[in-house]
Amino acid sequence: MREEAQSSAPTPAGGRGPGGGPARPFKNRNTARAKSLRNEASPPERLLWQHLRNRQLDGHKFSRQIPIGPYFADFLCREAKLIIELDGLTHDNSADYDARRDSHCRAQGYSILRFTNADVLTNLEGVMSHITTTLAHLPTPNPSRLREGSE
């Protein structure tokens, strides 16, 4: 996850969501930064995304570069409250930062799986198997909580 201050731009349509309906509960989402991060994805992130997108993994919906408070999750399955992070060489010296970010996300009820870029590039089958096993063991979400819009 990458840290970024959230935008203070108002929600569209005077606080209303798309189509004039109620605004989504994701207030002040920094969508421009999220789009930038998606466009700058590393080769391992692009490879993993090809296997997570379009509900290919047992029907679970994943999104990428999603804001969670001041941080961005590389990949997020909202329904399972599962974050998947890919760590490259730049993460070697960021243990304190990662601990703060993980603590924040766990306090919001998220589980976190962390893989290295090398894991994805050299053992994609093992990475996918680990994600599948983790999803199978996570509690089934309460559908009403999903509608409330947990980050």
C-alpha atoms as a PDB file:
ATOM      1  CA  MET A   1       0.000   0.000   0.000  1.00  0.00           C
ATOM      2  CA  ARG A   2       1.090   3.488  -0.669  1.00  0.00           C
ATOM      3  CA  GLU A   3       0.337   6.401   1.628  1.00  0.00           C
ATOM      4  CA  GLU A   4      -1.323   9.470   0.214  1.00  0.00           C
ATOM      5  CA  ALA A   5      -3.383  12.270   1.701  1.00  0.00           C
ATOM      6  CA  GLN A   6      -6.990  12.066   0.621  1.00  0.00           C
ATOM      7  CA  SER A   7      -8.504  14.701  -1.610  1.00  0.00           C
ATOM      8  CA  SER A   8     -10.830  17.228  -0.053  1.00  0.00           C
ATOM      9  CA  ALA A   9     -12.787  17.721  -3.289  1.00  0.00           C
ATOM     10  CA  PRO A  10     -16.564  17.723  -2.819  1.00  0.00           C
ATOM     11  CA  THR A  11     -18.581  14.747  -3.968  1.00  0.00           C
ATOM     12  CA  PRO A  12     -20.242  15.154  -7.362  1.00  0.00           C
ATOM     13  CA  ALA A  13     -23.779  16.522  -7.714  1.00  0.00           C
ATOM     14  CA  GLY A  14     -23.745  18.346  -4.396  1.00  0.00           C
ATOM     15  CA  GLY A  15     -23.091  15.248  -2.292  1.00  0.00           C
ATOM     16  CA  ARG A  16     -25.171  12.965  -4.466  1.00  0.00           C
ATOM     17  CA  GLY A  17     -23.734   9.901  -6.155  1.00  0.00           C
ATOM     18  CA  PRO A  18     -23.740   9.059  -9.849  1.00  0.00           C
ATOM     19  CA  GLY A  19     -27.194   9.356 -11.375  1.00  0.00           C
ATOM     20  CA  GLY A  20     -28.330  11.673  -8.573  1.00  0.00           C
ATOM     21  CA  GLY A  21     -28.654   8.851  -6.018  1.00  0.00           C
ATOM     22  CA  PRO A  22     -27.149   8.945  -2.539  1.00  0.00           C
ATOM     23  CA  ALA A  23     -23.423   9.571  -2.389  1.00  0.00           C
ATOM     24  CA  ARG A  24     -21.279   6.491  -1.904  1.00  0.00           C
ATOM     25  CA  PRO A  25     -19.787   6.229   1.581  1.00  0.00           C
ATOM     26  CA  PHE A  26     -16.213   6.482   0.284  1.00  0.00           C
ATOM     27  CA  LYS A  27     -15.726  10.131   1.171  1.00  0.00           C
ATOM     28  CA  ASN A  28     -12.847  12.121  -0.232  1.00  0.00           C
ATOM     29  CA  ARG A  29     -11.468   9.246  -2.284  1.00  0.00           C
ATOM     30  CA  ASN A  30      -8.345  10.220  -4.107  1.00  0.00           C
ATOM     31  CA  THR A  31      -9.352   8.640  -7.393  1.00  0.00           C
ATOM     32  CA  ALA A  32      -6.807  10.598  -9.445  1.00  0.00           C
ATOM     33  CA  ARG A  33      -3.965   9.163  -7.349  1.00  0.00           C
ATOM     34  CA  ALA A  34      -5.489   5.661  -7.511  1.00  0.00           C
ATOM     35  CA  LYS A  35      -5.702   5.900 -11.307  1.00  0.00           C
ATOM     36  CA  SER A  36      -2.101   7.080 -11.456  1.00  0.00           C
ATOM     37  CA  LEU A  37      -0.973   4.115  -9.337  1.00  0.00           C
ATOM     38  CA  ARG A  38      -2.894   1.704 -11.580  1.00  0.00           C
ATOM     39  CA  ASN A  39      -1.237   3.191 -14.670  1.00  0.00           C
ATOM     40  CA  GLU A  40       2.208   2.887 -13.031  1.00  0.00           C
ATOM     41  CA  ALA A  41       1.738  -0.741 -11.991  1.00  0.00           C
ATOM     42  CA  SER A  42       4.868  -2.872 -11.901  1.00  0.00           C
ATOM     43  CA  PRO A  43       5.112  -5.978 -14.123  1.00  0.00           C
ATOM     44  CA  PRO A  44       4.373  -8.289 -11.137  1.00  0.00           C
ATOM     45  CA  GLU A  45       1.301  -6.187 -10.237  1.00  0.00           C
ATOM     46  CA  ARG A  46       0.078  -6.388 -13.833  1.00  0.00           C
ATOM     47  CA  LEU A  47       0.628 -10.155 -13.912  1.00  0.00           C
ATOM     48  CA  LEU A  48      -1.242 -10.780 -10.658  1.00  0.00           C
ATOM     49  CA  TRP A  49      -4.059  -8.463 -11.760  1.00  0.00           C
ATOM     50  CA  GLN A  50      -4.565 -10.599 -14.875  1.00  0.00           C
ATOM     51  CA  HIS A  51      -5.413 -13.499 -12.539  1.00  0.00           C
ATOM     52  CA  LEU A  52      -7.545 -11.570 -10.024  1.00  0.00           C
ATOM     53  CA  ARG A  53      -9.671  -9.400 -12.298  1.00  0.00           C
ATOM     54  CA  ASN A  54     -13.167 -10.203 -13.569  1.00  0.00           C
ATOM     55  CA  ARG A  55     -13.994 -12.491 -10.620  1.00  0.00           C
ATOM     56  CA  GLN A  56     -11.639 -15.181 -11.956  1.00  0.00           C
ATOM     57  CA  LEU A  57     -10.687 -16.380  -8.479  1.00  0.00           C
ATOM     58  CA  ASP A  58     -13.676 -18.378  -7.238  1.00  0.00           C
ATOM     59  CA  GLY A  59     -16.014 -15.478  -8.040  1.00  0.00           C
ATOM     60  CA  HIS A  60     -14.315 -13.006  -5.686  1.00  0.00           C
ATOM     61  CA  LYS A  61     -14.268  -9.409  -6.904  1.00  0.00           C
ATOM     62  CA  PHE A  62     -10.925  -7.661  -6.578  1.00  0.00           C
ATOM     63  CA  SER A  63     -10.107  -4.018  -7.176  1.00  0.00           C
ATOM     64  CA  ARG A  64      -6.659  -2.467  -7.365  1.00  0.00           C
ATOM     65  CA  GLN A  65      -5.080   0.602  -5.810  1.00  0.00           C
ATOM     66  CA  ILE A  66      -8.014   1.252  -3.502  1.00  0.00           C
ATOM     67  CA  PRO A  67      -7.760   3.912  -0.765  1.00  0.00           C
ATOM     68  CA  ILE A  68      -8.083   2.670   2.814  1.00  0.00           C
ATOM     69  CA  GLY A  69      -7.787   5.745   4.972  1.00  0.00           C
ATOM     70  CA  PRO A  70      -4.536   7.479   4.034  1.00  0.00           C
ATOM     71  CA  TYR A  71      -3.127   4.343   2.346  1.00  0.00           C
ATOM     72  CA  PHE A  72      -3.669   2.533  -0.942  1.00  0.00           C
ATOM     73  CA  ALA A  73      -4.129  -1.244  -1.101  1.00  0.00           C
ATOM     74  CA  ASP A  74      -2.456  -2.891  -4.091  1.00  0.00           C
ATOM     75  CA  PHE A  75      -5.406  -5.296  -4.403  1.00  0.00           C
ATOM     76  CA  LEU A  76      -8.584  -5.421  -2.325  1.00  0.00           C
ATOM     77  CA  CYS A  77     -11.419  -7.917  -2.074  1.00  0.00           C
ATOM     78  CA  ARG A  78     -14.037  -5.872  -0.214  1.00  0.00           C
ATOM     79  CA  GLU A  79     -16.460  -8.742   0.358  1.00  0.00           C
ATOM     80  CA  ALA A  80     -13.768 -10.809   2.111  1.00  0.00           C
ATOM     81  CA  LYS A  81     -12.026  -7.743   3.619  1.00  0.00           C
ATOM     82  CA  LEU A  82      -8.753  -9.069   2.206  1.00  0.00           C
ATOM     83  CA  ILE A  83      -5.844  -6.896   1.097  1.00  0.00           C
ATOM     84  CA  ILE A  84      -3.080  -8.301  -1.083  1.00  0.00           C
ATOM     85  CA  GLU A  85       0.209  -6.416  -1.127  1.00  0.00           C
ATOM     86  CA  LEU A  86       3.151  -6.916  -3.453  1.00  0.00           C
ATOM     87  CA  ASP A  87       6.479  -5.839  -2.052  1.00  0.00           C
ATOM     88  CA  GLY A  88       9.439  -5.010  -4.237  1.00  0.00           C
ATOM     89  CA  LEU A  89      12.959  -4.005  -3.293  1.00  0.00           C
ATOM     90  CA  THR A  90      11.746  -0.610  -2.046  1.00  0.00           C
ATOM     91  CA  HIS A  91       9.917  -2.339   0.826  1.00  0.00           C
ATOM     92  CA  ASP A  92      13.122  -3.756   2.312  1.00  0.00           C
ATOM     93  CA  ASN A  93      13.701  -0.634   4.427  1.00  0.00           C
ATOM     94  CA  SER A  94      10.105   0.214   5.317  1.00  0.00           C
ATOM     95  CA  ALA A  95       9.276  -2.117   8.214  1.00  0.00           C
ATOM     96  CA  ASP A  96       8.029   0.719  10.458  1.00  0.00           C
ATOM     97  CA  TYR A  97       5.860   2.192   7.711  1.00  0.00           C
ATOM     98  CA  ASP A  98       4.445  -1.226   6.791  1.00  0.00           C
ATOM     99  CA  ALA A  99       3.680  -1.942  10.456  1.00  0.00           C
ATOM    100  CA  ARG A 100       1.748   1.357  10.824  1.00  0.00           C
ATOM    101  CA  ARG A 101      -0.165   0.750   7.597  1.00  0.00           C
ATOM    102  CA  ASP A 102      -0.963  -2.863   8.497  1.00  0.00           C
ATOM    103  CA  SER A 103      -2.099  -1.811  11.963  1.00  0.00           C
ATOM    104  CA  HIS A 104      -4.433   0.803  10.466  1.00  0.00           C
ATOM    105  CA  CYS A 105      -5.931  -1.688   8.010  1.00  0.00           C
ATOM    106  CA  ARG A 106      -6.326  -4.457  10.593  1.00  0.00           C
ATOM    107  CA  ALA A 107      -8.101  -1.964  12.875  1.00  0.00           C
ATOM    108  CA  GLN A 108     -10.579  -1.502  10.001  1.00  0.00           C
ATOM    109  CA  GLY A 109     -11.163  -5.281   9.941  1.00  0.00           C
ATOM    110  CA  TYR A 110      -8.957  -6.209   6.974  1.00  0.00           C
ATOM    111  CA  SER A 111      -6.729  -9.256   6.631  1.00  0.00           C
ATOM    112  CA  ILE A 112      -3.486  -8.735   4.730  1.00  0.00           C
ATOM    113  CA  LEU A 113      -1.517 -11.092   2.510  1.00  0.00           C
ATOM    114  CA  ARG A 114       1.934  -9.959   1.475  1.00  0.00           C
ATOM    115  CA  PHE A 115       3.977 -11.397  -1.382  1.00  0.00           C
ATOM    116  CA  THR A 116       7.238 -10.336  -2.959  1.00  0.00           C
ATOM    117  CA  ASN A 117       7.418  -9.401  -6.613  1.00  0.00           C
ATOM    118  CA  ALA A 118       9.731 -12.411  -7.038  1.00  0.00           C
ATOM    119  CA  ASP A 119       7.005 -14.695  -5.604  1.00  0.00           C
ATOM    120  CA  VAL A 120       4.582 -13.550  -8.302  1.00  0.00           C
ATOM    121  CA  LEU A 121       7.124 -13.811 -11.106  1.00  0.00           C
ATOM    122  CA  THR A 122       8.554 -17.207 -10.168  1.00  0.00           C
ATOM    123  CA  ASN A 123       5.724 -18.975  -8.321  1.00  0.00           C
ATOM    124  CA  LEU A 124       2.426 -17.493  -9.504  1.00  0.00           C
ATOM    125  CA  GLU A 125       0.647 -20.820  -9.038  1.00  0.00           C
ATOM    126  CA  GLY A 126       1.721 -20.932  -5.379  1.00  0.00           C
ATOM    127  CA  VAL A 127       0.659 -17.307  -4.833  1.00  0.00           C
ATOM    128  CA  MET A 128      -2.770 -17.984  -6.328  1.00  0.00           C
ATOM    129  CA  SER A 129      -3.142 -21.146  -4.261  1.00  0.00           C
ATOM    130  CA  HIS A 130      -2.309 -19.254  -1.060  1.00  0.00           C
ATOM    131  CA  ILE A 131      -4.845 -16.515  -1.890  1.00  0.00           C
ATOM    132  CA  THR A 132      -7.521 -19.126  -2.664  1.00  0.00           C
ATOM    133  CA  THR A 133      -6.862 -20.982   0.595  1.00  0.00           C
ATOM    134  CA  THR A 134      -6.969 -17.742   2.582  1.00  0.00           C
ATOM    135  CA  LEU A 135     -10.267 -16.689   0.998  1.00  0.00           C
ATOM    136  CA  ALA A 136     -11.768 -20.098   1.801  1.00  0.00           C
ATOM    137  CA  HIS A 137     -10.886 -19.689   5.474  1.00  0.00           C
ATOM    138  CA  LEU A 138     -12.065 -16.112   5.957  1.00  0.00           C
ATOM    139  CA  PRO A 139     -15.471 -15.617   7.579  1.00  0.00           C
ATOM    140  CA  THR A 140     -18.427 -15.060   5.274  1.00  0.00           C
ATOM    141  CA  PRO A 141     -19.211 -11.345   5.269  1.00  0.00           C
ATOM    142  CA  ASN A 142     -22.481  -9.911   6.490  1.00  0.00           C
ATOM    143  CA  PRO A 143     -24.209  -8.618   3.309  1.00  0.00           C
ATOM    144  CA  SER A 144     -25.657  -5.587   5.135  1.00  0.00           C
ATOM    145  CA  ARG A 145     -22.115  -4.516   6.106  1.00  0.00           C
ATOM    146  CA  LEU A 146     -21.118  -4.506   2.426  1.00  0.00           C
ATOM    147  CA  ARG A 147     -23.965  -2.109   1.636  1.00  0.00           C
ATOM    148  CA  GLU A 148     -22.822   0.199   4.425  1.00  0.00           C
ATOM    149  CA  GLY A 149     -19.657   0.672   2.380  1.00  0.00           C
ATOM    150  CA  SER A 150     -16.719  -0.383   4.455  1.00  0.00           C
ATOM    151  CA  GLU A 151     -13.585   1.051   2.869  1.00  0.00           C
END
